[in-house]
Amino acid sequence: MEIETRYVYIGKNIDLPDVRLNKSGIYFGEKVEEIRKKYPLLEKLLIKADDLPFAEKNEILLEQLTDELLESVKGENDGV
């Protein structure tokens, strides 16, 4: 039996068109893999659960990354 990779979201709470991400939420499965591909900035905000103890805990950087992600999503939606 294959164990799915589990990710912990370390950014601030956000609503994306595809999913709501909550700080410290645990995500896994095909859906999380799809949104990681669709929103490349999530690679920095969705950390493998096993790597969480080693993840940088810089709150300002995490907020900036989350804001940048929201701006990129907003830009995509404005262009539609």
N, C-alpha and C. Protein backbone atom coordinates (compact mmCIF):
# COMPACT_ATOMS: atom_id res chain seq x y z
N MET A 1 0.84 -1.18 0.00
CA MET A 1 0.00 0.00 0.00
C MET A 1 0.89 1.24 0.00
N GLU A 2 0.63 2.14 -0.91
CA GLU A 2 1.42 3.36 -1.03
C GLU A 2 0.91 4.42 -0.06
N ILE A 3 1.84 5.05 0.64
CA ILE A 3 1.48 6.11 1.58
C ILE A 3 1.52 7.44 0.84
N GLU A 4 0.43 8.21 0.93
CA GLU A 4 0.37 9.51 0.27
C GLU A 4 1.22 10.53 1.02
N THR A 5 1.86 11.40 0.24
CA THR A 5 2.61 12.48 0.85
C THR A 5 1.64 13.46 1.48
N ARG A 6 1.91 13.84 2.70
CA ARG A 6 1.08 14.81 3.42
C ARG A 6 1.84 16.13 3.50
N TYR A 7 1.11 17.21 3.24
CA TYR A 7 1.69 18.55 3.27
C TYR A 7 1.01 19.38 4.35
N VAL A 8 1.79 20.25 4.98
CA VAL A 8 1.26 21.20 5.96
C VAL A 8 1.36 22.57 5.33
N TYR A 9 0.24 23.30 5.32
CA TYR A 9 0.22 24.66 4.77
C TYR A 9 0.69 25.62 5.85
N ILE A 10 1.76 26.39 5.56
CA ILE A 10 2.34 27.27 6.58
C ILE A 10 2.10 28.75 6.31
N GLY A 11 1.31 29.08 5.29
CA GLY A 11 0.97 30.47 5.02
C GLY A 11 -0.25 30.88 5.84
N LYS A 12 -0.72 32.12 5.61
CA LYS A 12 -1.94 32.56 6.30
C LYS A 12 -3.16 31.99 5.56
N ASN A 13 -4.30 31.96 6.22
CA ASN A 13 -5.53 31.42 5.63
C ASN A 13 -5.87 32.18 4.35
N ILE A 14 -6.14 31.42 3.28
CA ILE A 14 -6.53 32.04 2.01
C ILE A 14 -7.59 31.18 1.31
N ASP A 15 -8.38 31.86 0.48
CA ASP A 15 -9.34 31.19 -0.38
C ASP A 15 -8.86 31.33 -1.81
N LEU A 16 -8.58 30.20 -2.46
CA LEU A 16 -8.25 30.17 -3.87
C LEU A 16 -9.49 29.69 -4.61
N PRO A 17 -9.55 29.91 -5.92
CA PRO A 17 -10.73 29.44 -6.65
C PRO A 17 -10.98 27.93 -6.49
N ASP A 18 -9.91 27.16 -6.30
CA ASP A 18 -10.01 25.71 -6.24
C ASP A 18 -10.15 25.14 -4.84
N VAL A 19 -9.67 25.89 -3.84
CA VAL A 19 -9.57 25.32 -2.50
C VAL A 19 -9.35 26.42 -1.47
N ARG A 20 -9.75 26.16 -0.23
CA ARG A 20 -9.42 27.05 0.89
C ARG A 20 -8.25 26.41 1.62
N LEU A 21 -7.23 27.21 1.90
CA LEU A 21 -6.06 26.73 2.63
C LEU A 21 -6.02 27.39 4.00
N ASN A 22 -5.94 26.59 5.03
CA ASN A 22 -5.89 27.08 6.41
C ASN A 22 -4.50 26.86 6.99
N LYS A 23 -4.00 27.87 7.69
CA LYS A 23 -2.69 27.78 8.32
C LYS A 23 -2.64 26.53 9.20
N SER A 24 -1.59 25.78 9.06
CA SER A 24 -1.33 24.53 9.80
C SER A 24 -2.23 23.39 9.36
N GLY A 25 -3.01 23.59 8.28
CA GLY A 25 -3.85 22.52 7.77
C GLY A 25 -3.01 21.45 7.09
N ILE A 26 -3.47 20.22 7.15
CA ILE A 26 -2.78 19.10 6.52
C ILE A 26 -3.56 18.71 5.28
N TYR A 27 -2.84 18.59 4.15
CA TYR A 27 -3.47 18.32 2.86
C TYR A 27 -2.74 17.15 2.20
N PHE A 28 -3.49 16.31 1.49
CA PHE A 28 -2.90 15.19 0.78
C PHE A 28 -3.84 14.74 -0.32
N GLY A 29 -3.34 13.91 -1.20
CA GLY A 29 -4.17 13.37 -2.27
C GLY A 29 -3.95 14.07 -3.60
N GLU A 30 -4.72 13.64 -4.59
CA GLU A 30 -4.59 14.18 -5.94
C GLU A 30 -4.88 15.67 -6.01
N LYS A 31 -5.86 16.13 -5.25
CA LYS A 31 -6.25 17.55 -5.30
C LYS A 31 -5.08 18.46 -4.92
N VAL A 32 -4.36 18.11 -3.87
CA VAL A 32 -3.24 18.95 -3.44
C VAL A 32 -2.12 18.93 -4.49
N GLU A 33 -1.91 17.79 -5.14
CA GLU A 33 -0.89 17.73 -6.19
C GLU A 33 -1.29 18.62 -7.37
N GLU A 34 -2.58 18.64 -7.69
CA GLU A 34 -3.07 19.50 -8.78
C GLU A 34 -2.87 20.98 -8.46
N ILE A 35 -3.22 21.41 -7.25
CA ILE A 35 -3.09 22.83 -6.93
C ILE A 35 -1.63 23.24 -6.78
N ARG A 36 -0.76 22.32 -6.37
CA ARG A 36 0.68 22.64 -6.29
C ARG A 36 1.23 22.90 -7.69
N LYS A 37 0.74 22.16 -8.68
CA LYS A 37 1.18 22.38 -10.06
C LYS A 37 0.59 23.67 -10.62
N LYS A 38 -0.66 23.94 -10.29
CA LYS A 38 -1.34 25.13 -10.81
C LYS A 38 -0.78 26.42 -10.22
N TYR A 39 -0.42 26.40 -8.94
CA TYR A 39 0.10 27.58 -8.24
C TYR A 39 1.51 27.28 -7.73
N PRO A 40 2.53 27.54 -8.54
CA PRO A 40 3.91 27.19 -8.17
C PRO A 40 4.38 27.76 -6.83
N LEU A 41 3.86 28.92 -6.42
CA LEU A 41 4.27 29.49 -5.12
C LEU A 41 3.89 28.58 -3.95
N LEU A 42 2.92 27.72 -4.16
CA LEU A 42 2.53 26.82 -3.08
C LEU A 42 3.64 25.84 -2.71
N GLU A 43 4.61 25.65 -3.62
CA GLU A 43 5.75 24.78 -3.31
C GLU A 43 6.47 25.28 -2.06
N LYS A 44 6.42 26.60 -1.83
CA LYS A 44 7.10 27.19 -0.68
C LYS A 44 6.20 27.26 0.55
N LEU A 45 4.90 27.10 0.35
CA LEU A 45 3.95 27.24 1.45
C LEU A 45 3.32 25.92 1.89
N LEU A 46 3.37 24.91 1.03
CA LEU A 46 2.92 23.57 1.40
C LEU A 46 4.17 22.72 1.62
N ILE A 47 4.49 22.47 2.86
CA ILE A 47 5.71 21.77 3.24
C ILE A 47 5.37 20.31 3.55
N LYS A 48 6.21 19.40 3.07
CA LYS A 48 6.00 17.99 3.43
C LYS A 48 5.99 17.89 4.95
N ALA A 49 5.02 17.16 5.47
CA ALA A 49 4.87 17.05 6.92
C ALA A 49 6.15 16.57 7.59
N ASP A 50 6.88 15.67 6.95
CA ASP A 50 8.13 15.17 7.52
C ASP A 50 9.20 16.25 7.58
N ASP A 51 9.11 17.26 6.70
CA ASP A 51 10.12 18.33 6.65
C ASP A 51 9.75 19.53 7.51
N LEU A 52 8.57 19.52 8.09
CA LEU A 52 8.10 20.68 8.84
C LEU A 52 9.06 21.15 9.94
N PRO A 53 9.66 20.24 10.70
CA PRO A 53 10.58 20.73 11.74
C PRO A 53 11.76 21.53 11.18
N PHE A 54 12.08 21.32 9.90
CA PHE A 54 13.22 21.99 9.29
C PHE A 54 12.82 23.22 8.49
N ALA A 55 11.52 23.45 8.34
CA ALA A 55 11.03 24.58 7.55
C ALA A 55 11.33 25.89 8.26
N GLU A 56 11.65 26.91 7.45
CA GLU A 56 11.94 28.22 8.02
C GLU A 56 10.66 28.81 8.61
N LYS A 57 10.76 29.41 9.78
CA LYS A 57 9.60 29.95 10.48
C LYS A 57 9.57 31.47 10.42
N ASN A 58 9.89 32.04 9.29
CA ASN A 58 9.90 33.49 9.13
C ASN A 58 8.50 33.95 8.73
N GLU A 59 7.74 34.45 9.70
CA GLU A 59 6.34 34.83 9.46
C GLU A 59 6.19 35.92 8.40
N ILE A 60 7.10 36.89 8.37
CA ILE A 60 7.01 37.98 7.39
C ILE A 60 7.18 37.41 5.98
N LEU A 61 8.16 36.54 5.78
CA LEU A 61 8.36 35.92 4.48
C LEU A 61 7.15 35.11 4.06
N LEU A 62 6.59 34.34 4.98
CA LEU A 62 5.42 33.52 4.67
C LEU A 62 4.23 34.38 4.29
N GLU A 63 4.03 35.49 4.98
CA GLU A 63 2.93 36.40 4.63
C GLU A 63 3.16 37.02 3.25
N GLN A 64 4.40 37.39 2.94
CA GLN A 64 4.70 37.96 1.63
C GLN A 64 4.45 36.94 0.53
N LEU A 65 4.85 35.70 0.74
CA LEU A 65 4.60 34.65 -0.24
C LEU A 65 3.11 34.43 -0.44
N THR A 66 2.35 34.43 0.65
CA THR A 66 0.90 34.25 0.55
C THR A 66 0.27 35.40 -0.21
N ASP A 67 0.68 36.63 0.08
CA ASP A 67 0.15 37.80 -0.63
C ASP A 67 0.50 37.73 -2.12
N GLU A 68 1.72 37.30 -2.43
CA GLU A 68 2.13 37.17 -3.83
C GLU A 68 1.28 36.12 -4.55
N LEU A 69 1.00 35.02 -3.87
CA LEU A 69 0.14 33.98 -4.44
C LEU A 69 -1.25 34.53 -4.72
N LEU A 70 -1.82 35.26 -3.76
CA LEU A 70 -3.15 35.84 -3.95
C LEU A 70 -3.17 36.83 -5.11
N GLU A 71 -2.11 37.63 -5.26
CA GLU A 71 -2.03 38.58 -6.37
C GLU A 71 -1.95 37.85 -7.71
N SER A 72 -1.20 36.76 -7.77
CA SER A 72 -1.10 36.02 -9.03
C SER A 72 -2.44 35.40 -9.40
N VAL A 73 -3.18 34.91 -8.41
CA VAL A 73 -4.50 34.34 -8.67
C VAL A 73 -5.46 35.44 -9.11
N LYS A 74 -5.39 36.58 -8.45
CA LYS A 74 -6.24 37.72 -8.82
C LYS A 74 -5.95 38.14 -10.25
N GLY A 75 -4.68 38.18 -10.63
CA GLY A 75 -4.30 38.55 -11.99
C GLY A 75 -4.84 37.57 -13.02
N GLU A 76 -4.82 36.28 -12.69
CA GLU A 76 -5.37 35.27 -13.59
C GLU A 76 -6.87 35.46 -13.77
N ASN A 77 -7.56 35.73 -12.67
CA ASN A 77 -9.02 35.89 -12.72
C ASN A 77 -9.42 37.18 -13.41
N ASP A 78 -8.61 38.25 -13.29
CA ASP A 78 -8.92 39.51 -13.95
C ASP A 78 -8.76 39.40 -15.46
N GLY A 79 -7.87 38.51 -15.90
CA GLY A 79 -7.63 38.35 -17.32
C GLY A 79 -8.65 37.47 -18.02
N VAL A 80 -9.54 36.85 -17.26
CA VAL A 80 -10.53 35.92 -17.84
C VAL A 80 -11.70 36.67 -18.39
